Amino acid sequence: MKTEFLTKSQENLKAAELLLANQLYNASANRAYYAAFQAAIAALADIGFEAERKNHGRIQSNFVAELIQKRKVYPGYLKSSLMELQDVRNDADYDAQLISQKVAIRQLKKAQELVTAIVNGLQP
């Protein structure tokens, strides 16, 4: 399961980059969040944690509680990353206001940072 969700994460990161390059900022923000979310699922699977994959809040809280606070696999500054990424994704998907290029770039960078940290923290 870890490998499959890492593959999905990488696909979504690449999609977010392509969408951003094509000025599709709302879609890029959406895919950036899912890249990070799927990487978090992979990280939880890496420690044998069975995650309820459709429950975003539970994935976010388990990632923070298990991998940042308890096991200290990832640095504390990443604690709010998934929630912040989801907030922007929710704006992109559900608000009438369009996501700006600046926000989409920031969203992609935050997702890239989290995905990179997760990949680097995974067991071989």
N, C-alpha and C. Protein backbone atom coordinates (compact mmCIF):
# COMPACT_ATOMS: atom_id res chain seq x y z
N MET A 1 0.83 -1.20 0.00
CA MET A 1 0.00 0.00 0.00
C MET A 1 0.87 1.26 0.00
N LYS A 2 2.00 1.20 0.69
CA LYS A 2 2.89 2.36 0.73
C LYS A 2 3.32 2.77 -0.67
N THR A 3 3.76 1.80 -1.45
CA THR A 3 4.26 2.08 -2.80
C THR A 3 3.18 2.66 -3.69
N GLU A 4 1.99 2.10 -3.60
CA GLU A 4 0.89 2.57 -4.46
C GLU A 4 0.51 4.02 -4.14
N PHE A 5 0.47 4.34 -2.85
CA PHE A 5 0.11 5.72 -2.49
C PHE A 5 1.24 6.69 -2.77
N LEU A 6 2.48 6.23 -2.71
CA LEU A 6 3.59 7.10 -3.13
C LEU A 6 3.51 7.38 -4.62
N THR A 7 3.16 6.36 -5.40
CA THR A 7 3.00 6.55 -6.85
C THR A 7 1.88 7.56 -7.12
N LYS A 8 0.76 7.41 -6.44
CA LYS A 8 -0.34 8.37 -6.61
C LYS A 8 0.10 9.77 -6.20
N SER A 9 0.85 9.85 -5.13
CA SER A 9 1.34 11.15 -4.66
C SER A 9 2.21 11.81 -5.72
N GLN A 10 3.14 11.05 -6.28
CA GLN A 10 4.03 11.60 -7.31
C GLN A 10 3.26 12.00 -8.56
N GLU A 11 2.27 11.21 -8.95
CA GLU A 11 1.43 11.56 -10.10
C GLU A 11 0.70 12.88 -9.86
N ASN A 12 0.15 13.04 -8.67
CA ASN A 12 -0.59 14.26 -8.36
C ASN A 12 0.33 15.47 -8.25
N LEU A 13 1.54 15.26 -7.76
CA LEU A 13 2.50 16.37 -7.71
C LEU A 13 2.85 16.82 -9.12
N LYS A 14 3.08 15.87 -10.01
CA LYS A 14 3.39 16.19 -11.40
C LYS A 14 2.18 16.88 -12.06
N ALA A 15 0.99 16.37 -11.78
CA ALA A 15 -0.22 16.99 -12.33
C ALA A 15 -0.36 18.43 -11.85
N ALA A 16 -0.10 18.66 -10.57
CA ALA A 16 -0.18 20.02 -10.01
C ALA A 16 0.80 20.95 -10.71
N GLU A 17 2.00 20.45 -10.99
CA GLU A 17 3.00 21.26 -11.70
C GLU A 17 2.53 21.60 -13.11
N LEU A 18 2.01 20.60 -13.82
CA LEU A 18 1.53 20.83 -15.19
C LEU A 18 0.33 21.78 -15.21
N LEU A 19 -0.57 21.60 -14.28
CA LEU A 19 -1.74 22.47 -14.21
C LEU A 19 -1.33 23.91 -13.90
N LEU A 20 -0.38 24.08 -13.00
CA LEU A 20 0.12 25.42 -12.68
C LEU A 20 0.76 26.05 -13.91
N ALA A 21 1.57 25.29 -14.62
CA ALA A 21 2.24 25.80 -15.82
C ALA A 21 1.24 26.22 -16.89
N ASN A 22 0.06 25.60 -16.87
CA ASN A 22 -0.99 25.92 -17.84
C ASN A 22 -2.04 26.87 -17.27
N GLN A 23 -1.70 27.55 -16.18
CA GLN A 23 -2.53 28.57 -15.54
C GLN A 23 -3.88 28.04 -15.07
N LEU A 24 -3.91 26.77 -14.70
CA LEU A 24 -5.11 26.14 -14.15
C LEU A 24 -4.93 26.06 -12.63
N TYR A 25 -5.04 27.21 -11.99
CA TYR A 25 -4.63 27.37 -10.60
C TYR A 25 -5.52 26.62 -9.61
N ASN A 26 -6.83 26.61 -9.83
CA ASN A 26 -7.72 25.88 -8.93
C ASN A 26 -7.44 24.39 -8.97
N ALA A 27 -7.30 23.86 -10.17
CA ALA A 27 -7.01 22.43 -10.32
C ALA A 27 -5.63 22.08 -9.76
N SER A 28 -4.67 22.96 -9.94
CA SER A 28 -3.33 22.74 -9.39
C SER A 28 -3.37 22.68 -7.87
N ALA A 29 -4.12 23.59 -7.25
CA ALA A 29 -4.24 23.60 -5.79
C ALA A 29 -4.87 22.31 -5.29
N ASN A 30 -5.86 21.82 -6.02
CA ASN A 30 -6.52 20.56 -5.66
C ASN A 30 -5.53 19.40 -5.71
N ARG A 31 -4.82 19.27 -6.82
CA ARG A 31 -3.89 18.14 -6.99
C ARG A 31 -2.72 18.23 -6.01
N ALA A 32 -2.29 19.43 -5.68
CA ALA A 32 -1.19 19.59 -4.72
C ALA A 32 -1.60 19.03 -3.36
N TYR A 33 -2.82 19.34 -2.94
CA TYR A 33 -3.31 18.78 -1.67
C TYR A 33 -3.31 17.26 -1.72
N TYR A 34 -3.86 16.69 -2.79
CA TYR A 34 -3.95 15.23 -2.85
C TYR A 34 -2.58 14.57 -2.92
N ALA A 35 -1.61 15.24 -3.50
CA ALA A 35 -0.24 14.70 -3.49
C ALA A 35 0.25 14.55 -2.06
N ALA A 36 0.03 15.57 -1.25
CA ALA A 36 0.46 15.54 0.15
C ALA A 36 -0.37 14.54 0.96
N PHE A 37 -1.66 14.53 0.74
CA PHE A 37 -2.56 13.62 1.45
C PHE A 37 -2.17 12.16 1.19
N GLN A 38 -1.92 11.83 -0.07
CA GLN A 38 -1.57 10.45 -0.39
C GLN A 38 -0.18 10.08 0.12
N ALA A 39 0.72 11.04 0.18
CA ALA A 39 2.03 10.79 0.79
C ALA A 39 1.86 10.51 2.28
N ALA A 40 0.96 11.22 2.94
CA ALA A 40 0.70 10.99 4.37
C ALA A 40 0.14 9.58 4.59
N ILE A 41 -0.73 9.13 3.71
CA ILE A 41 -1.25 7.77 3.81
C ILE A 41 -0.10 6.77 3.68
N ALA A 42 0.81 7.01 2.73
CA ALA A 42 1.97 6.13 2.55
C ALA A 42 2.84 6.12 3.80
N ALA A 43 3.03 7.28 4.42
CA ALA A 43 3.85 7.36 5.63
C ALA A 43 3.21 6.58 6.77
N LEU A 44 1.90 6.67 6.91
CA LEU A 44 1.21 5.90 7.94
C LEU A 44 1.29 4.41 7.65
N ALA A 45 1.15 4.03 6.39
CA ALA A 45 1.28 2.62 6.02
C ALA A 45 2.69 2.11 6.32
N ASP A 46 3.67 2.98 6.18
CA ASP A 46 5.07 2.61 6.41
C ASP A 46 5.30 2.15 7.85
N ILE A 47 4.52 2.66 8.79
CA ILE A 47 4.68 2.25 10.19
C ILE A 47 3.62 1.21 10.58
N GLY A 48 2.91 0.68 9.57
CA GLY A 48 1.93 -0.35 9.83
C GLY A 48 0.60 0.17 10.34
N PHE A 49 0.37 1.44 10.15
CA PHE A 49 -0.86 2.07 10.62
C PHE A 49 -1.93 1.93 9.56
N GLU A 50 -3.01 1.25 9.88
CA GLU A 50 -4.12 1.11 8.94
C GLU A 50 -4.96 2.37 8.98
N ALA A 51 -4.89 3.13 7.94
CA ALA A 51 -5.60 4.41 7.90
C ALA A 51 -6.92 4.26 7.15
N GLU A 52 -7.92 4.93 7.66
CA GLU A 52 -9.19 5.02 6.95
C GLU A 52 -8.99 6.10 5.89
N ARG A 53 -8.73 5.68 4.67
CA ARG A 53 -8.25 6.57 3.62
C ARG A 53 -9.24 7.65 3.20
N LYS A 54 -10.50 7.44 3.43
CA LYS A 54 -11.49 8.44 2.99
C LYS A 54 -11.76 9.50 4.04
N ASN A 55 -11.18 9.35 5.22
CA ASN A 55 -11.42 10.30 6.29
C ASN A 55 -10.21 11.24 6.39
N HIS A 56 -10.32 12.38 5.75
CA HIS A 56 -9.19 13.31 5.68
C HIS A 56 -8.75 13.80 7.05
N GLY A 57 -9.71 14.13 7.89
CA GLY A 57 -9.38 14.62 9.23
C GLY A 57 -8.63 13.58 10.05
N ARG A 58 -9.04 12.34 9.94
CA ARG A 58 -8.37 11.27 10.68
C ARG A 58 -6.95 11.05 10.16
N ILE A 59 -6.78 11.07 8.85
CA ILE A 59 -5.43 10.93 8.28
C ILE A 59 -4.55 12.06 8.79
N GLN A 60 -5.06 13.27 8.73
CA GLN A 60 -4.28 14.43 9.18
C GLN A 60 -3.91 14.31 10.65
N SER A 61 -4.87 13.97 11.49
CA SER A 61 -4.57 13.90 12.92
C SER A 61 -3.66 12.73 13.25
N ASN A 62 -3.83 11.59 12.59
CA ASN A 62 -2.94 10.45 12.83
C ASN A 62 -1.53 10.73 12.35
N PHE A 63 -1.41 11.41 11.23
CA PHE A 63 -0.08 11.77 10.72
C PHE A 63 0.66 12.63 11.74
N VAL A 64 -0.03 13.64 12.25
CA VAL A 64 0.59 14.54 13.24
C VAL A 64 0.88 13.79 14.54
N ALA A 65 -0.13 13.09 15.06
CA ALA A 65 0.03 12.43 16.36
C ALA A 65 1.09 11.33 16.33
N GLU A 66 1.05 10.49 15.32
CA GLU A 66 1.95 9.34 15.27
C GLU A 66 3.34 9.67 14.75
N LEU A 67 3.40 10.46 13.68
CA LEU A 67 4.68 10.63 12.98
C LEU A 67 5.42 11.92 13.31
N ILE A 68 4.72 12.90 13.83
CA ILE A 68 5.39 14.15 14.21
C ILE A 68 5.55 14.22 15.73
N GLN A 69 4.47 14.02 16.45
CA GLN A 69 4.54 14.20 17.91
C GLN A 69 5.09 12.97 18.63
N LYS A 70 4.59 11.79 18.32
CA LYS A 70 4.98 10.59 19.06
C LYS A 70 6.33 10.03 18.60
N ARG A 71 6.45 9.72 17.32
CA ARG A 71 7.66 9.06 16.81
C ARG A 71 8.73 10.04 16.33
N LYS A 72 8.34 11.28 16.13
CA LYS A 72 9.25 12.35 15.71
C LYS A 72 10.02 12.01 14.42
N VAL A 73 9.29 11.37 13.50
CA VAL A 73 9.87 11.05 12.19
C VAL A 73 10.01 12.31 11.36
N TYR A 74 9.05 13.22 11.51
CA TYR A 74 9.03 14.46 10.73
C TYR A 74 9.07 15.66 11.67
N PRO A 75 9.62 16.77 11.20
CA PRO A 75 9.76 17.96 12.06
C PRO A 75 8.41 18.60 12.39
N GLY A 76 8.37 19.24 13.53
CA GLY A 76 7.15 19.86 14.03
C GLY A 76 6.58 20.94 13.14
N TYR A 77 7.42 21.61 12.37
CA TYR A 77 6.90 22.70 11.53
C TYR A 77 5.96 22.19 10.44
N LEU A 78 5.94 20.87 10.20
CA LEU A 78 5.04 20.30 9.20
C LEU A 78 3.66 19.98 9.79
N LYS A 79 3.50 20.22 11.08
CA LYS A 79 2.29 19.83 11.80
C LYS A 79 1.01 20.35 11.15
N SER A 80 1.01 21.56 10.69
CA SER A 80 -0.22 22.15 10.14
C SER A 80 -0.29 22.09 8.62
N SER A 81 0.70 21.48 7.99
CA SER A 81 0.77 21.50 6.52
C SER A 81 -0.44 20.88 5.84
N LEU A 82 -0.82 19.68 6.25
CA LEU A 82 -1.95 19.03 5.59
C LEU A 82 -3.24 19.83 5.74
N MET A 83 -3.47 20.36 6.92
CA MET A 83 -4.69 21.14 7.15
C MET A 83 -4.68 22.41 6.31
N GLU A 84 -3.54 23.08 6.24
CA GLU A 84 -3.44 24.30 5.44
C GLU A 84 -3.63 23.99 3.95
N LEU A 85 -3.04 22.89 3.50
CA LEU A 85 -3.21 22.49 2.10
C LEU A 85 -4.67 22.17 1.81
N GLN A 86 -5.35 21.51 2.74
CA GLN A 86 -6.75 21.19 2.54
C GLN A 86 -7.61 22.45 2.53
N ASP A 87 -7.28 23.41 3.37
CA ASP A 87 -8.04 24.67 3.38
C ASP A 87 -8.00 25.35 2.01
N VAL A 88 -6.83 25.39 1.40
CA VAL A 88 -6.72 26.01 0.07
C VAL A 88 -7.45 25.16 -0.96
N ARG A 89 -7.33 23.83 -0.85
CA ARG A 89 -8.05 22.95 -1.77
C ARG A 89 -9.54 23.18 -1.65
N ASN A 90 -10.05 23.31 -0.43
CA ASN A 90 -11.48 23.57 -0.23
C ASN A 90 -11.89 24.89 -0.89
N ASP A 91 -11.05 25.91 -0.75
CA ASP A 91 -11.33 27.19 -1.42
C ASP A 91 -11.38 27.00 -2.93
N ALA A 92 -10.41 26.26 -3.46
CA ALA A 92 -10.34 26.04 -4.91
C ALA A 92 -11.56 25.28 -5.41
N ASP A 93 -12.03 24.33 -4.63
CA ASP A 93 -13.13 23.48 -5.07
C ASP A 93 -14.52 24.05 -4.80
N TYR A 94 -14.67 24.77 -3.69
CA TYR A 94 -16.02 25.10 -3.23
C TYR A 94 -16.34 26.58 -3.16
N ASP A 95 -15.35 27.46 -3.21
CA ASP A 95 -15.62 28.89 -3.14
C ASP A 95 -15.75 29.48 -4.54
N ALA A 96 -16.52 30.54 -4.66
CA ALA A 96 -16.65 31.23 -5.94
C ALA A 96 -15.36 31.96 -6.31
N GLN A 97 -14.63 32.39 -5.30
CA GLN A 97 -13.36 33.10 -5.52
C GLN A 97 -12.35 32.16 -6.18
N LEU A 98 -11.68 32.64 -7.21
CA LEU A 98 -10.67 31.83 -7.90
C LEU A 98 -9.34 31.89 -7.14
N ILE A 99 -8.60 30.81 -7.24
CA ILE A 99 -7.26 30.75 -6.65
C ILE A 99 -6.30 31.54 -7.55
N SER A 100 -5.50 32.39 -6.96
CA SER A 100 -4.54 33.18 -7.73
C SER A 100 -3.30 32.36 -8.04
N GLN A 101 -2.52 32.87 -8.96
CA GLN A 101 -1.25 32.22 -9.30
C GLN A 101 -0.36 32.15 -8.06
N LYS A 102 -0.31 33.24 -7.31
CA LYS A 102 0.54 33.30 -6.12
C LYS A 102 0.15 32.22 -5.11
N VAL A 103 -1.14 32.06 -4.87
CA VAL A 103 -1.61 31.05 -3.92
C VAL A 103 -1.33 29.65 -4.46
N ALA A 104 -1.53 29.44 -5.75
CA ALA A 104 -1.27 28.13 -6.35
C ALA A 104 0.21 27.76 -6.26
N ILE A 105 1.08 28.73 -6.48
CA ILE A 105 2.52 28.48 -6.35
C ILE A 105 2.87 28.11 -4.92
N ARG A 106 2.33 28.86 -3.97
CA ARG A 106 2.59 28.58 -2.55
C ARG A 106 2.06 27.19 -2.18
N GLN A 107 0.89 26.84 -2.69
CA GLN A 107 0.29 25.52 -2.42
C GLN A 107 1.18 24.41 -2.96
N LEU A 108 1.67 24.57 -4.17
CA LEU A 108 2.53 23.56 -4.77
C LEU A 108 3.83 23.41 -3.98
N LYS A 109 4.44 24.52 -3.61
CA LYS A 109 5.69 24.46 -2.85
C LYS A 109 5.50 23.76 -1.51
N LYS A 110 4.39 24.06 -0.85
CA LYS A 110 4.12 23.44 0.45
C LYS A 110 3.91 21.93 0.28
N ALA A 111 3.20 21.54 -0.77
CA ALA A 111 2.99 20.12 -1.03
C ALA A 111 4.31 19.43 -1.37
N GLN A 112 5.12 20.07 -2.20
CA GLN A 112 6.42 19.49 -2.55
C GLN A 112 7.29 19.29 -1.31
N GLU A 113 7.28 20.27 -0.43
CA GLU A 113 8.07 20.19 0.80
C GLU A 113 7.60 19.02 1.67
N LEU A 114 6.30 18.88 1.82
CA LEU A 114 5.77 17.80 2.65
C LEU A 114 6.04 16.44 2.01
N VAL A 115 5.80 16.31 0.72
CA VAL A 115 6.04 15.04 0.04
C VAL A 115 7.51 14.66 0.12
N THR A 116 8.40 15.61 -0.10
CA THR A 116 9.84 15.33 -0.02
C THR A 116 10.22 14.88 1.38
N ALA A 117 9.71 15.55 2.39
CA ALA A 117 10.01 15.17 3.78
C ALA A 117 9.51 13.76 4.06
N ILE A 118 8.32 13.44 3.58
CA ILE A 118 7.76 12.11 3.81
C ILE A 118 8.60 11.05 3.12
N VAL A 119 8.93 11.28 1.86
CA VAL A 119 9.74 10.31 1.12
C VAL A 119 11.08 10.09 1.83
N ASN A 120 11.70 11.15 2.29
CA ASN A 120 12.99 11.03 2.97
C ASN A 120 12.88 10.33 4.33
N GLY A 121 11.71 10.36 4.94
CA GLY A 121 11.53 9.74 6.24
C GLY A 121 11.05 8.30 6.21
N LEU A 122 10.74 7.80 5.01
CA LEU A 122 10.23 6.44 4.90
C LEU A 122 11.33 5.41 5.11
N GLN A 123 10.93 4.27 5.65
CA GLN A 123 11.86 3.17 5.84
C GLN A 123 12.19 2.57 4.47
N PRO A 124 13.44 2.16 4.27
CA PRO A 124 13.82 1.57 2.96
C PRO A 124 13.10 0.27 2.69
